């Protein structure tokens, strides 16, 4: 999420400064970040978290 937010800030800066080539590259990176966030969201909703079994300490 931080990466996505940073990319949005950098895109806004590039637009203000007129860095057209930079904007295109950042938008590609943003699309990848948003895709990864979607994958994580889908996985966290559909798959249970495996926490493992607690182990007893030897006495």
Protein backbone atom coordinates (compact mmCIF):
# COMPACT_ATOMS: atom_id res chain seq x y z
CA UNK A 1 0.00 0.00 0.00
CA UNK A 2 2.88 2.37 0.79
CA UNK A 3 4.46 1.63 -2.57
CA UNK A 4 1.18 2.37 -4.34
CA UNK A 5 0.77 5.64 -2.44
CA UNK A 6 4.35 6.62 -3.25
CA UNK A 7 3.81 5.88 -6.93
CA UNK A 8 0.67 8.05 -6.95
CA UNK A 9 2.67 10.91 -5.41
CA UNK A 10 5.46 10.46 -7.95
CA UNK A 11 2.97 10.42 -10.85
CA UNK A 12 1.44 13.67 -9.61
CA UNK A 13 4.92 15.22 -9.37
CA UNK A 14 5.84 14.01 -12.87
CA UNK A 15 2.62 15.50 -14.26
CA UNK A 16 3.36 18.86 -12.59
CA UNK A 17 6.90 18.85 -13.97
CA UNK A 18 5.91 17.62 -17.44
CA UNK A 19 8.03 14.45 -17.31
CA UNK A 20 5.99 12.51 -19.87
CA UNK A 21 8.34 9.50 -20.13
CA UNK A 22 8.50 9.20 -16.36
CA UNK A 23 4.70 9.23 -16.11
CA UNK A 24 4.35 6.24 -18.42
CA UNK A 25 6.90 4.18 -16.49
CA UNK A 26 5.32 5.05 -13.16
CA UNK A 27 1.86 4.12 -14.43
CA UNK A 28 3.19 0.68 -15.44
CA UNK A 29 4.65 0.25 -11.96
CA UNK A 30 1.39 1.44 -10.39
CA UNK A 31 -0.60 -1.12 -12.39
CA UNK A 32 1.74 -3.85 -11.13
CA UNK A 33 1.42 -2.68 -7.52
CA UNK A 34 -2.36 -2.56 -7.74
CA UNK A 35 -2.41 -6.04 -9.25
CA UNK A 36 -0.28 -7.38 -6.40
CA UNK A 37 -2.54 -5.71 -3.80
CA UNK A 38 -5.57 -7.36 -5.44
CA UNK A 39 -3.85 -10.76 -5.36
CA UNK A 40 -3.05 -10.39 -1.67
CA UNK A 41 -6.60 -9.27 -0.88
CA UNK A 42 -8.11 -12.24 -2.74
CA UNK A 43 -5.74 -14.72 -1.08
CA UNK A 44 -6.39 -13.36 2.40
CA UNK A 45 -10.14 -13.73 1.96
CA UNK A 46 -10.15 -17.23 0.50
CA UNK A 47 -7.35 -19.10 2.24
CA UNK A 48 -7.19 -19.74 5.97
CA UNK A 49 -4.03 -18.72 7.77
CA UNK A 50 -2.03 -21.76 8.84
CA UNK A 51 -0.70 -21.03 12.30
CA UNK A 52 0.63 -24.49 13.10
CA UNK A 53 0.09 -26.56 16.19
CA UNK A 54 1.49 -25.39 19.51
CA UNK A 55 4.22 -27.61 20.88
CA UNK A 56 4.54 -28.70 24.49
CA UNK A 57 7.78 -27.97 26.23
CA UNK A 58 9.53 -31.02 27.62
CA UNK A 59 9.28 -31.26 31.40
